[in-house]
Amino acid sequence: MRKSTQAALNAAEGRIWQYAELDFQDIEFSEEVVAACKANFCGNYNKSWQCPPNVGTLEELKAKYSKYPHAFVFTTKHGIEDSYDIEGMEVARIEHEKVEDLIRPVLPEGSVMLGAGGCNVCKKCAFPEPCRFPQKAKSSVEACGINVVSLAKKAKINYTNGENTVTYFTLVFLGGNETE
């Protein structure tokens, strides 16, 4: 296990459900995921600096993240009343982001964290004005064209965790020169 992965697990205080270490070539970038963003189901397409098309083309994203030979993915699992429990899902997302906040300070310098859902540092994104908090802003895994179902399969972790649960994913591209 890489030192940075162990540090992240320790910092998360037991709140991570599953995790796996990956190499860059294990991560699938997909035009289908980009097309789903273009369909604008979430309403954020071209309304945020951290969502398409403002994060770059698929080719630009691949080139950007290919500079990180190693990554790790982690999930949190949360109970909800049923599959229509939007309020419960929002509470779960906030809890997941708390885990991200615990991990962020122990990551190697230059690491990039892609989270669950779009950036929500600001109540309303400054777009098209410059980002007010570029060091805190965070794209989602999907906004960067990464297929989360494929990621889960490659990592051998569950994409879903049963009835009345929601699972959130974060992918961290590890900076630094860590090789072990």
N, C-alpha and C. Protein backbone atom coordinates (compact mmCIF):
# COMPACT_ATOMS: atom_id res chain seq x y z
N MET A 1 0.84 -1.18 0.00
CA MET A 1 0.00 0.00 0.00
C MET A 1 0.89 1.24 0.00
N ARG A 2 0.53 2.20 -0.83
CA ARG A 2 1.28 3.45 -0.90
C ARG A 2 1.12 4.23 0.40
N LYS A 3 2.15 4.97 0.74
CA LYS A 3 2.12 5.76 1.98
C LYS A 3 0.97 6.75 1.97
N SER A 4 0.72 7.37 0.82
CA SER A 4 -0.34 8.38 0.75
C SER A 4 -1.72 7.74 0.92
N THR A 5 -1.90 6.53 0.43
CA THR A 5 -3.17 5.83 0.63
C THR A 5 -3.36 5.52 2.10
N GLN A 6 -2.31 5.03 2.75
CA GLN A 6 -2.41 4.73 4.18
C GLN A 6 -2.69 6.00 4.98
N ALA A 7 -2.05 7.09 4.63
CA ALA A 7 -2.28 8.36 5.32
C ALA A 7 -3.74 8.81 5.15
N ALA A 8 -4.27 8.63 3.95
CA ALA A 8 -5.67 9.01 3.69
C ALA A 8 -6.62 8.14 4.50
N LEU A 9 -6.36 6.84 4.54
CA LEU A 9 -7.21 5.94 5.32
C LEU A 9 -7.18 6.31 6.80
N ASN A 10 -6.01 6.61 7.31
CA ASN A 10 -5.89 7.02 8.71
C ASN A 10 -6.66 8.32 8.96
N ALA A 11 -6.51 9.27 8.06
CA ALA A 11 -7.17 10.57 8.23
C ALA A 11 -8.69 10.45 8.16
N ALA A 12 -9.18 9.48 7.43
CA ALA A 12 -10.63 9.31 7.25
C ALA A 12 -11.33 8.74 8.48
N GLU A 13 -10.56 8.32 9.45
CA GLU A 13 -11.11 7.88 10.74
C GLU A 13 -12.17 6.78 10.61
N GLY A 14 -11.92 5.83 9.70
CA GLY A 14 -12.82 4.69 9.56
C GLY A 14 -14.10 4.96 8.78
N ARG A 15 -14.20 6.09 8.14
CA ARG A 15 -15.43 6.46 7.43
C ARG A 15 -15.46 5.99 5.98
N ILE A 16 -14.37 5.42 5.49
CA ILE A 16 -14.33 4.92 4.12
C ILE A 16 -14.93 3.52 4.09
N TRP A 17 -15.82 3.29 3.13
CA TRP A 17 -16.45 1.97 2.99
C TRP A 17 -15.52 1.02 2.25
N GLN A 18 -15.10 1.41 1.04
CA GLN A 18 -14.18 0.59 0.25
C GLN A 18 -13.18 1.52 -0.43
N TYR A 19 -12.02 0.95 -0.78
CA TYR A 19 -11.01 1.73 -1.50
C TYR A 19 -10.16 0.79 -2.33
N ALA A 20 -9.45 1.38 -3.28
CA ALA A 20 -8.50 0.61 -4.08
C ALA A 20 -7.47 1.56 -4.66
N GLU A 21 -6.28 1.05 -4.86
CA GLU A 21 -5.23 1.79 -5.55
C GLU A 21 -5.28 1.42 -7.02
N LEU A 22 -5.03 2.39 -7.87
CA LEU A 22 -5.08 2.19 -9.31
C LEU A 22 -3.88 2.84 -9.98
N ASP A 23 -3.59 2.37 -11.18
CA ASP A 23 -2.64 3.05 -12.04
C ASP A 23 -3.43 3.81 -13.09
N PHE A 24 -2.84 4.82 -13.67
CA PHE A 24 -3.56 5.66 -14.62
C PHE A 24 -4.22 4.84 -15.71
N GLN A 25 -3.53 3.84 -16.25
CA GLN A 25 -4.08 3.07 -17.36
C GLN A 25 -5.32 2.26 -16.96
N ASP A 26 -5.60 2.15 -15.67
CA ASP A 26 -6.80 1.45 -15.20
C ASP A 26 -8.06 2.31 -15.30
N ILE A 27 -7.90 3.58 -15.58
CA ILE A 27 -9.02 4.53 -15.52
C ILE A 27 -9.54 4.79 -16.93
N GLU A 28 -10.84 4.54 -17.12
CA GLU A 28 -11.46 4.70 -18.43
C GLU A 28 -12.09 6.08 -18.58
N PHE A 29 -11.62 6.80 -19.57
CA PHE A 29 -12.22 8.08 -19.95
C PHE A 29 -13.18 7.78 -21.10
N SER A 30 -14.39 8.30 -21.05
CA SER A 30 -15.43 7.85 -21.95
C SER A 30 -16.20 9.00 -22.60
N GLU A 31 -16.34 8.92 -23.91
CA GLU A 31 -17.17 9.89 -24.64
C GLU A 31 -18.63 9.79 -24.21
N GLU A 32 -19.08 8.59 -23.83
CA GLU A 32 -20.46 8.42 -23.38
C GLU A 32 -20.73 9.21 -22.11
N VAL A 33 -19.76 9.26 -21.22
CA VAL A 33 -19.91 10.04 -19.98
C VAL A 33 -19.98 11.53 -20.32
N VAL A 34 -19.14 11.96 -21.24
CA VAL A 34 -19.17 13.36 -21.68
C VAL A 34 -20.52 13.68 -22.32
N ALA A 35 -21.05 12.75 -23.12
CA ALA A 35 -22.35 12.96 -23.76
C ALA A 35 -23.46 13.08 -22.71
N ALA A 36 -23.37 12.31 -21.64
CA ALA A 36 -24.36 12.42 -20.56
C ALA A 36 -24.30 13.81 -19.93
N CYS A 37 -23.10 14.35 -19.77
CA CYS A 37 -22.98 15.71 -19.24
C CYS A 37 -23.59 16.72 -20.22
N LYS A 38 -23.33 16.53 -21.50
CA LYS A 38 -23.89 17.44 -22.51
C LYS A 38 -25.41 17.41 -22.51
N ALA A 39 -26.01 16.27 -22.14
CA ALA A 39 -27.47 16.17 -22.06
C ALA A 39 -28.02 17.01 -20.91
N ASN A 40 -27.15 17.42 -20.01
CA ASN A 40 -27.45 18.38 -18.95
C ASN A 40 -28.55 17.92 -17.99
N PHE A 41 -28.53 16.65 -17.61
CA PHE A 41 -29.52 16.14 -16.66
C PHE A 41 -29.44 16.86 -15.32
N CYS A 42 -28.24 17.25 -14.91
CA CYS A 42 -28.07 17.89 -13.60
C CYS A 42 -28.27 19.40 -13.66
N GLY A 43 -28.29 19.96 -14.87
CA GLY A 43 -28.50 21.40 -15.01
C GLY A 43 -27.26 22.25 -14.85
N ASN A 44 -26.07 21.63 -14.75
CA ASN A 44 -24.85 22.40 -14.55
C ASN A 44 -23.96 22.52 -15.78
N TYR A 45 -24.37 21.92 -16.89
CA TYR A 45 -23.54 21.99 -18.09
C TYR A 45 -23.33 23.44 -18.50
N ASN A 46 -22.06 23.82 -18.62
CA ASN A 46 -21.64 25.17 -19.02
C ASN A 46 -22.13 26.25 -18.05
N LYS A 47 -22.31 25.87 -16.79
CA LYS A 47 -22.72 26.83 -15.76
C LYS A 47 -21.73 26.88 -14.61
N SER A 48 -20.65 26.12 -14.72
CA SER A 48 -19.66 26.04 -13.65
C SER A 48 -18.28 25.84 -14.26
N TRP A 49 -17.26 26.36 -13.60
CA TRP A 49 -15.89 26.14 -14.06
C TRP A 49 -15.49 24.68 -13.90
N GLN A 50 -16.16 23.94 -13.03
CA GLN A 50 -15.76 22.57 -12.73
C GLN A 50 -16.59 21.52 -13.47
N CYS A 51 -17.42 21.97 -14.40
CA CYS A 51 -18.25 21.06 -15.21
C CYS A 51 -17.95 21.28 -16.69
N PRO A 52 -18.26 20.28 -17.51
CA PRO A 52 -18.08 20.45 -18.95
C PRO A 52 -18.93 21.61 -19.46
N PRO A 53 -18.51 22.23 -20.52
CA PRO A 53 -17.29 21.99 -21.29
C PRO A 53 -16.07 22.70 -20.71
N ASN A 54 -16.23 23.35 -19.57
CA ASN A 54 -15.18 24.22 -19.03
C ASN A 54 -14.01 23.48 -18.39
N VAL A 55 -14.13 22.18 -18.16
CA VAL A 55 -13.02 21.41 -17.62
C VAL A 55 -12.06 20.96 -18.71
N GLY A 56 -12.46 21.09 -19.97
CA GLY A 56 -11.61 20.69 -21.09
C GLY A 56 -12.23 19.55 -21.87
N THR A 57 -11.63 19.28 -23.01
CA THR A 57 -12.08 18.16 -23.84
C THR A 57 -11.61 16.85 -23.21
N LEU A 58 -12.17 15.76 -23.67
CA LEU A 58 -11.76 14.46 -23.16
C LEU A 58 -10.27 14.24 -23.39
N GLU A 59 -9.77 14.65 -24.54
CA GLU A 59 -8.34 14.50 -24.84
C GLU A 59 -7.50 15.33 -23.89
N GLU A 60 -7.94 16.56 -23.60
CA GLU A 60 -7.21 17.42 -22.67
C GLU A 60 -7.22 16.83 -21.26
N LEU A 61 -8.35 16.27 -20.86
CA LEU A 61 -8.45 15.67 -19.53
C LEU A 61 -7.55 14.44 -19.42
N LYS A 62 -7.55 13.60 -20.45
CA LYS A 62 -6.65 12.43 -20.44
C LYS A 62 -5.20 12.88 -20.32
N ALA A 63 -4.83 13.89 -21.10
CA ALA A 63 -3.45 14.39 -21.05
C ALA A 63 -3.12 14.95 -19.67
N LYS A 64 -4.04 15.70 -19.10
CA LYS A 64 -3.83 16.30 -17.78
C LYS A 64 -3.60 15.22 -16.72
N TYR A 65 -4.48 14.22 -16.68
CA TYR A 65 -4.39 13.22 -15.62
C TYR A 65 -3.38 12.12 -15.90
N SER A 66 -2.93 12.00 -17.15
CA SER A 66 -1.90 10.99 -17.45
C SER A 66 -0.58 11.32 -16.78
N LYS A 67 -0.43 12.54 -16.30
CA LYS A 67 0.79 12.95 -15.59
C LYS A 67 0.84 12.35 -14.19
N TYR A 68 -0.26 11.74 -13.76
CA TYR A 68 -0.34 11.11 -12.45
C TYR A 68 -0.35 9.60 -12.64
N PRO A 69 0.78 8.93 -12.41
CA PRO A 69 0.80 7.49 -12.66
C PRO A 69 -0.06 6.69 -11.68
N HIS A 70 -0.31 7.25 -10.49
CA HIS A 70 -1.04 6.50 -9.47
C HIS A 70 -2.25 7.28 -8.97
N ALA A 71 -3.25 6.51 -8.56
CA ALA A 71 -4.47 7.10 -8.01
C ALA A 71 -5.05 6.14 -6.99
N PHE A 72 -5.96 6.65 -6.20
CA PHE A 72 -6.78 5.75 -5.41
C PHE A 72 -8.21 6.25 -5.42
N VAL A 73 -9.12 5.29 -5.32
CA VAL A 73 -10.55 5.57 -5.32
C VAL A 73 -11.09 5.10 -3.98
N PHE A 74 -12.03 5.86 -3.44
CA PHE A 74 -12.68 5.40 -2.22
C PHE A 74 -14.17 5.70 -2.28
N THR A 75 -14.91 4.94 -1.50
CA THR A 75 -16.36 5.14 -1.42
C THR A 75 -16.79 5.30 0.03
N THR A 76 -17.93 5.94 0.17
CA THR A 76 -18.65 5.93 1.44
C THR A 76 -20.04 5.40 1.14
N LYS A 77 -20.60 4.69 2.09
CA LYS A 77 -21.93 4.09 1.92
C LYS A 77 -22.84 4.66 3.00
N HIS A 78 -24.06 5.01 2.59
CA HIS A 78 -24.98 5.66 3.51
C HIS A 78 -26.38 5.06 3.36
N GLY A 79 -27.05 4.87 4.47
CA GLY A 79 -28.42 4.41 4.45
C GLY A 79 -29.37 5.55 4.12
N ILE A 80 -30.38 5.24 3.31
CA ILE A 80 -31.43 6.20 2.98
C ILE A 80 -32.78 5.49 3.10
N GLU A 81 -33.86 6.25 3.16
CA GLU A 81 -35.19 5.65 3.33
C GLU A 81 -35.58 4.78 2.13
N ASP A 82 -35.37 5.32 0.93
CA ASP A 82 -35.67 4.60 -0.30
C ASP A 82 -34.98 5.32 -1.45
N SER A 83 -35.16 4.82 -2.66
CA SER A 83 -34.45 5.40 -3.81
C SER A 83 -34.97 6.78 -4.20
N TYR A 84 -36.01 7.26 -3.55
CA TYR A 84 -36.54 8.60 -3.82
C TYR A 84 -36.18 9.59 -2.70
N ASP A 85 -35.36 9.17 -1.77
CA ASP A 85 -35.00 9.99 -0.61
C ASP A 85 -33.92 11.00 -0.98
N ILE A 86 -34.32 12.04 -1.70
CA ILE A 86 -33.38 13.07 -2.17
C ILE A 86 -32.72 13.77 -0.98
N GLU A 87 -33.49 14.06 0.05
CA GLU A 87 -32.93 14.72 1.23
C GLU A 87 -31.87 13.84 1.89
N GLY A 88 -32.14 12.56 2.01
CA GLY A 88 -31.17 11.62 2.57
C GLY A 88 -29.91 11.53 1.73
N MET A 89 -30.07 11.58 0.41
CA MET A 89 -28.92 11.55 -0.49
C MET A 89 -28.06 12.79 -0.31
N GLU A 90 -28.70 13.94 -0.11
CA GLU A 90 -27.97 15.19 0.09
C GLU A 90 -27.20 15.15 1.41
N VAL A 91 -27.82 14.65 2.46
CA VAL A 91 -27.13 14.50 3.74
C VAL A 91 -25.93 13.57 3.58
N ALA A 92 -26.12 12.47 2.84
CA ALA A 92 -25.04 11.52 2.60
C ALA A 92 -23.91 12.15 1.80
N ARG A 93 -24.25 12.97 0.81
CA ARG A 93 -23.22 13.65 0.01
C ARG A 93 -22.39 14.57 0.90
N ILE A 94 -23.05 15.28 1.79
CA ILE A 94 -22.33 16.18 2.71
C ILE A 94 -21.40 15.38 3.62
N GLU A 95 -21.86 14.23 4.09
CA GLU A 95 -21.02 13.36 4.92
C GLU A 95 -19.82 12.86 4.13
N HIS A 96 -20.04 12.51 2.86
CA HIS A 96 -18.94 12.07 2.00
C HIS A 96 -17.92 13.19 1.84
N GLU A 97 -18.39 14.40 1.64
CA GLU A 97 -17.48 15.54 1.48
C GLU A 97 -16.70 15.81 2.76
N LYS A 98 -17.25 15.49 3.91
CA LYS A 98 -16.50 15.63 5.16
C LYS A 98 -15.31 14.68 5.17
N VAL A 99 -15.49 13.48 4.61
CA VAL A 99 -14.38 12.53 4.49
C VAL A 99 -13.32 13.11 3.55
N GLU A 100 -13.75 13.67 2.43
CA GLU A 100 -12.79 14.32 1.52
C GLU A 100 -12.01 15.40 2.25
N ASP A 101 -12.71 16.19 3.06
CA ASP A 101 -12.05 17.27 3.80
C ASP A 101 -11.03 16.74 4.80
N LEU A 102 -11.29 15.58 5.39
CA LEU A 102 -10.33 14.97 6.31
C LEU A 102 -9.08 14.49 5.58
N ILE A 103 -9.28 13.99 4.37
CA ILE A 103 -8.18 13.40 3.60
C ILE A 103 -7.31 14.46 2.92
N ARG A 104 -7.93 15.50 2.42
CA ARG A 104 -7.22 16.51 1.61
C ARG A 104 -5.89 16.97 2.23
N PRO A 105 -5.83 17.29 3.53
CA PRO A 105 -4.56 17.81 4.09
C PRO A 105 -3.40 16.82 4.11
N VAL A 106 -3.68 15.53 4.02
CA VAL A 106 -2.59 14.54 4.09
C VAL A 106 -2.14 14.06 2.71
N LEU A 107 -2.77 14.55 1.66
CA LEU A 107 -2.39 14.12 0.31
C LEU A 107 -1.06 14.75 -0.10
N PRO A 108 -0.29 14.03 -0.92
CA PRO A 108 0.96 14.62 -1.41
C PRO A 108 0.68 15.90 -2.19
N GLU A 109 1.61 16.82 -2.13
CA GLU A 109 1.48 18.08 -2.87
C GLU A 109 1.26 17.78 -4.34
N GLY A 110 0.34 18.51 -4.95
CA GLY A 110 0.05 18.33 -6.36
C GLY A 110 -1.03 17.31 -6.66
N SER A 111 -1.54 16.64 -5.64
CA SER A 111 -2.62 15.67 -5.86
C SER A 111 -3.88 16.38 -6.30
N VAL A 112 -4.73 15.67 -7.04
CA VAL A 112 -6.00 16.22 -7.50
C VAL A 112 -7.12 15.27 -7.07
N MET A 113 -8.12 15.84 -6.41
CA MET A 113 -9.26 15.07 -5.94
C MET A 113 -10.47 15.37 -6.81
N LEU A 114 -11.08 14.32 -7.35
CA LEU A 114 -12.33 14.43 -8.09
C LEU A 114 -13.40 13.78 -7.23
N GLY A 115 -14.47 14.50 -6.98
CA GLY A 115 -15.45 14.04 -6.01
C GLY A 115 -16.76 13.59 -6.59
N ALA A 116 -17.71 13.48 -5.69
CA ALA A 116 -19.07 13.08 -6.03
C ALA A 116 -19.89 14.33 -6.28
N GLY A 117 -20.54 14.40 -7.43
CA GLY A 117 -21.33 15.58 -7.75
C GLY A 117 -20.43 16.73 -8.15
N GLY A 118 -21.03 17.81 -8.54
CA GLY A 118 -20.26 18.97 -8.98
C GLY A 118 -19.69 19.76 -7.82
N CYS A 119 -18.92 20.76 -8.17
CA CYS A 119 -18.33 21.64 -7.17
C CYS A 119 -19.45 22.40 -6.46
N ASN A 120 -19.34 22.47 -5.15
CA ASN A 120 -20.32 23.24 -4.40
C ASN A 120 -19.65 24.11 -3.33
N VAL A 121 -18.43 24.54 -3.62
CA VAL A 121 -17.72 25.42 -2.69
C VAL A 121 -18.52 26.71 -2.50
N CYS A 122 -19.07 27.24 -3.58
CA CYS A 122 -19.88 28.46 -3.52
C CYS A 122 -21.35 28.08 -3.70
N LYS A 123 -22.24 28.84 -3.09
CA LYS A 123 -23.68 28.59 -3.31
C LYS A 123 -24.02 28.75 -4.77
N LYS A 124 -23.42 29.76 -5.41
CA LYS A 124 -23.61 29.99 -6.84
C LYS A 124 -22.23 30.22 -7.44
N CYS A 125 -21.91 29.43 -8.45
CA CYS A 125 -20.61 29.55 -9.11
C CYS A 125 -20.45 30.94 -9.71
N ALA A 126 -19.25 31.46 -9.67
CA ALA A 126 -18.95 32.77 -10.23
C ALA A 126 -18.97 32.77 -11.75
N PHE A 127 -19.00 31.60 -12.36
CA PHE A 127 -18.96 31.48 -13.82
C PHE A 127 -19.96 32.44 -14.46
N PRO A 128 -19.59 33.20 -15.47
CA PRO A 128 -18.35 33.15 -16.25
C PRO A 128 -17.22 34.02 -15.69
N GLU A 129 -17.44 34.66 -14.55
CA GLU A 129 -16.35 35.40 -13.90
C GLU A 129 -15.33 34.39 -13.36
N PRO A 130 -14.10 34.84 -13.07
CA PRO A 130 -13.09 33.91 -12.55
C PRO A 130 -13.54 33.21 -11.26
N CYS A 131 -13.08 31.99 -11.10
CA CYS A 131 -13.38 31.20 -9.90
C CYS A 131 -12.84 31.94 -8.68
N ARG A 132 -13.66 32.03 -7.65
CA ARG A 132 -13.26 32.73 -6.42
C ARG A 132 -12.36 31.88 -5.53
N PHE A 133 -12.45 30.56 -5.65
CA PHE A 133 -11.68 29.67 -4.78
C PHE A 133 -11.04 28.54 -5.60
N PRO A 134 -10.12 28.87 -6.50
CA PRO A 134 -9.56 27.82 -7.37
C PRO A 134 -8.83 26.71 -6.61
N GLN A 135 -8.30 26.99 -5.43
CA GLN A 135 -7.61 25.95 -4.67
C GLN A 135 -8.58 24.98 -3.99
N LYS A 136 -9.83 25.39 -3.82
CA LYS A 136 -10.84 24.55 -3.18
C LYS A 136 -11.79 23.91 -4.18
N ALA A 137 -11.89 24.48 -5.37
CA ALA A 137 -12.84 24.01 -6.38
C ALA A 137 -12.54 22.55 -6.73
N LYS A 138 -13.61 21.80 -7.05
CA LYS A 138 -13.45 20.38 -7.30
C LYS A 138 -14.43 19.91 -8.36
N SER A 139 -13.91 19.25 -9.36
CA SER A 139 -14.76 18.63 -10.38
C SER A 139 -15.24 17.28 -9.88
N SER A 140 -16.30 16.80 -10.49
CA SER A 140 -16.73 15.44 -10.19
C SER A 140 -15.96 14.47 -11.07
N VAL A 141 -15.98 13.21 -10.68
CA VAL A 141 -15.34 12.16 -11.47
C VAL A 141 -15.95 12.16 -12.88
N GLU A 142 -17.28 12.21 -12.95
CA GLU A 142 -17.97 12.15 -14.23
C GLU A 142 -17.72 13.40 -15.07
N ALA A 143 -17.62 14.56 -14.45
CA ALA A 143 -17.37 15.80 -15.21
C ALA A 143 -16.06 15.72 -15.97
N CYS A 144 -15.15 14.89 -15.50
CA CYS A 144 -13.87 14.70 -16.18
C CYS A 144 -13.90 13.53 -17.15
N GLY A 145 -15.11 13.04 -17.45
CA GLY A 145 -15.27 12.01 -18.47
C GLY A 145 -14.91 10.61 -18.01
N ILE A 146 -14.81 10.40 -16.71
CA ILE A 146 -14.40 9.10 -16.19
C ILE A 146 -15.64 8.25 -15.90
N ASN A 147 -15.62 7.04 -16.42
CA ASN A 147 -16.72 6.10 -16.26
C ASN A 147 -16.63 5.47 -14.87
N VAL A 148 -17.54 5.84 -13.98
CA VAL A 148 -17.49 5.37 -12.59
C VAL A 148 -17.82 3.88 -12.49
N VAL A 149 -18.73 3.39 -13.31
CA VAL A 149 -19.05 1.95 -13.28
C VAL A 149 -17.81 1.14 -13.65
N SER A 150 -17.13 1.54 -14.70
CA SER A 150 -15.89 0.88 -15.11
C SER A 150 -14.82 1.00 -14.03
N LEU A 151 -14.74 2.17 -13.42
CA LEU A 151 -13.77 2.41 -12.35
C LEU A 151 -14.02 1.45 -11.19
N ALA A 152 -15.27 1.30 -10.80
CA ALA A 152 -15.62 0.39 -9.70
C ALA A 152 -15.24 -1.05 -10.06
N LYS A 153 -15.54 -1.47 -11.28
CA LYS A 153 -15.20 -2.84 -11.70
C LYS A 153 -13.70 -3.05 -11.67
N LYS A 154 -12.96 -2.11 -12.23
CA LYS A 154 -11.50 -2.24 -12.28
C LYS A 154 -10.91 -2.28 -10.87
N ALA A 155 -11.49 -1.48 -9.98
CA ALA A 155 -11.00 -1.40 -8.61
C ALA A 155 -11.52 -2.55 -7.73
N LYS A 156 -12.46 -3.33 -8.28
CA LYS A 156 -13.08 -4.44 -7.54
C LYS A 156 -13.77 -3.94 -6.27
N ILE A 157 -14.47 -2.81 -6.42
CA ILE A 157 -15.30 -2.30 -5.33
C ILE A 157 -16.73 -2.16 -5.84
N ASN A 158 -17.67 -2.13 -4.94
CA ASN A 158 -19.08 -2.11 -5.31
C ASN A 158 -19.51 -0.75 -5.84
N TYR A 159 -20.21 -0.78 -6.96
CA TYR A 159 -20.83 0.45 -7.48
C TYR A 159 -22.09 0.77 -6.68
N THR A 160 -22.83 -0.26 -6.35
CA THR A 160 -24.00 -0.12 -5.48
C THR A 160 -23.81 -1.05 -4.29
N ASN A 161 -24.49 -0.73 -3.21
CA ASN A 161 -24.33 -1.51 -1.98
C ASN A 161 -25.65 -1.95 -1.39
N GLY A 162 -26.61 -2.22 -2.25
CA GLY A 162 -27.87 -2.78 -1.79
C GLY A 162 -28.99 -1.75 -1.67
N GLU A 163 -30.14 -2.30 -1.41
CA GLU A 163 -31.36 -1.50 -1.29
C GLU A 163 -31.24 -0.49 -0.15
N ASN A 164 -31.84 0.67 -0.37
CA ASN A 164 -31.89 1.73 0.63
C ASN A 164 -30.51 2.22 1.08
N THR A 165 -29.58 2.23 0.12
CA THR A 165 -28.26 2.82 0.36
C THR A 165 -27.90 3.70 -0.82
N VAL A 166 -27.00 4.63 -0.57
CA VAL A 166 -26.39 5.41 -1.64
C VAL A 166 -24.88 5.34 -1.42
N THR A 167 -24.14 5.19 -2.50
CA THR A 167 -22.69 5.08 -2.45
C THR A 167 -22.09 6.24 -3.22
N TYR A 168 -21.16 6.94 -2.60
CA TYR A 168 -20.47 8.05 -3.25
C TYR A 168 -19.01 7.69 -3.47
N PHE A 169 -18.48 8.14 -4.62
CA PHE A 169 -17.11 7.85 -5.03
C PHE A 169 -16.27 9.12 -5.07
N THR A 170 -15.00 8.98 -4.69
CA THR A 170 -14.00 10.02 -4.91
C THR A 170 -12.78 9.34 -5.51
N LEU A 171 -12.18 10.00 -6.49
CA LEU A 171 -10.96 9.53 -7.13
C LEU A 171 -9.88 10.56 -6.88
N VAL A 172 -8.73 10.09 -6.38
CA VAL A 172 -7.62 10.98 -6.09
C VAL A 172 -6.44 10.60 -6.97
N PHE A 173 -6.01 11.54 -7.81
CA PHE A 173 -4.78 11.38 -8.57
C PHE A 173 -3.65 11.86 -7.68
N LEU A 174 -2.70 10.98 -7.40
CA LEU A 174 -1.67 11.26 -6.41
C LEU A 174 -0.49 12.01 -6.99
N GLY A 175 -0.19 13.14 -6.38
CA GLY A 175 0.97 13.93 -6.77
C GLY A 175 2.22 13.39 -6.11
N GLY A 176 3.32 14.09 -6.32
CA GLY A 176 4.58 13.67 -5.71
C GLY A 176 5.24 12.57 -6.50
N ASN A 177 6.28 12.00 -5.90
CA ASN A 177 7.08 10.98 -6.58
C ASN A 177 6.92 9.61 -5.93
N GLU A 178 5.79 9.37 -5.33
CA GLU A 178 5.60 8.12 -4.61
C GLU A 178 5.57 6.94 -5.58
N THR A 179 6.39 5.95 -5.29
CA THR A 179 6.46 4.78 -6.17
C THR A 179 6.06 3.50 -5.46
N GLU A 180 6.01 3.51 -4.14
CA GLU A 180 5.66 2.26 -3.44
C GLU A 180 4.20 2.20 -3.13
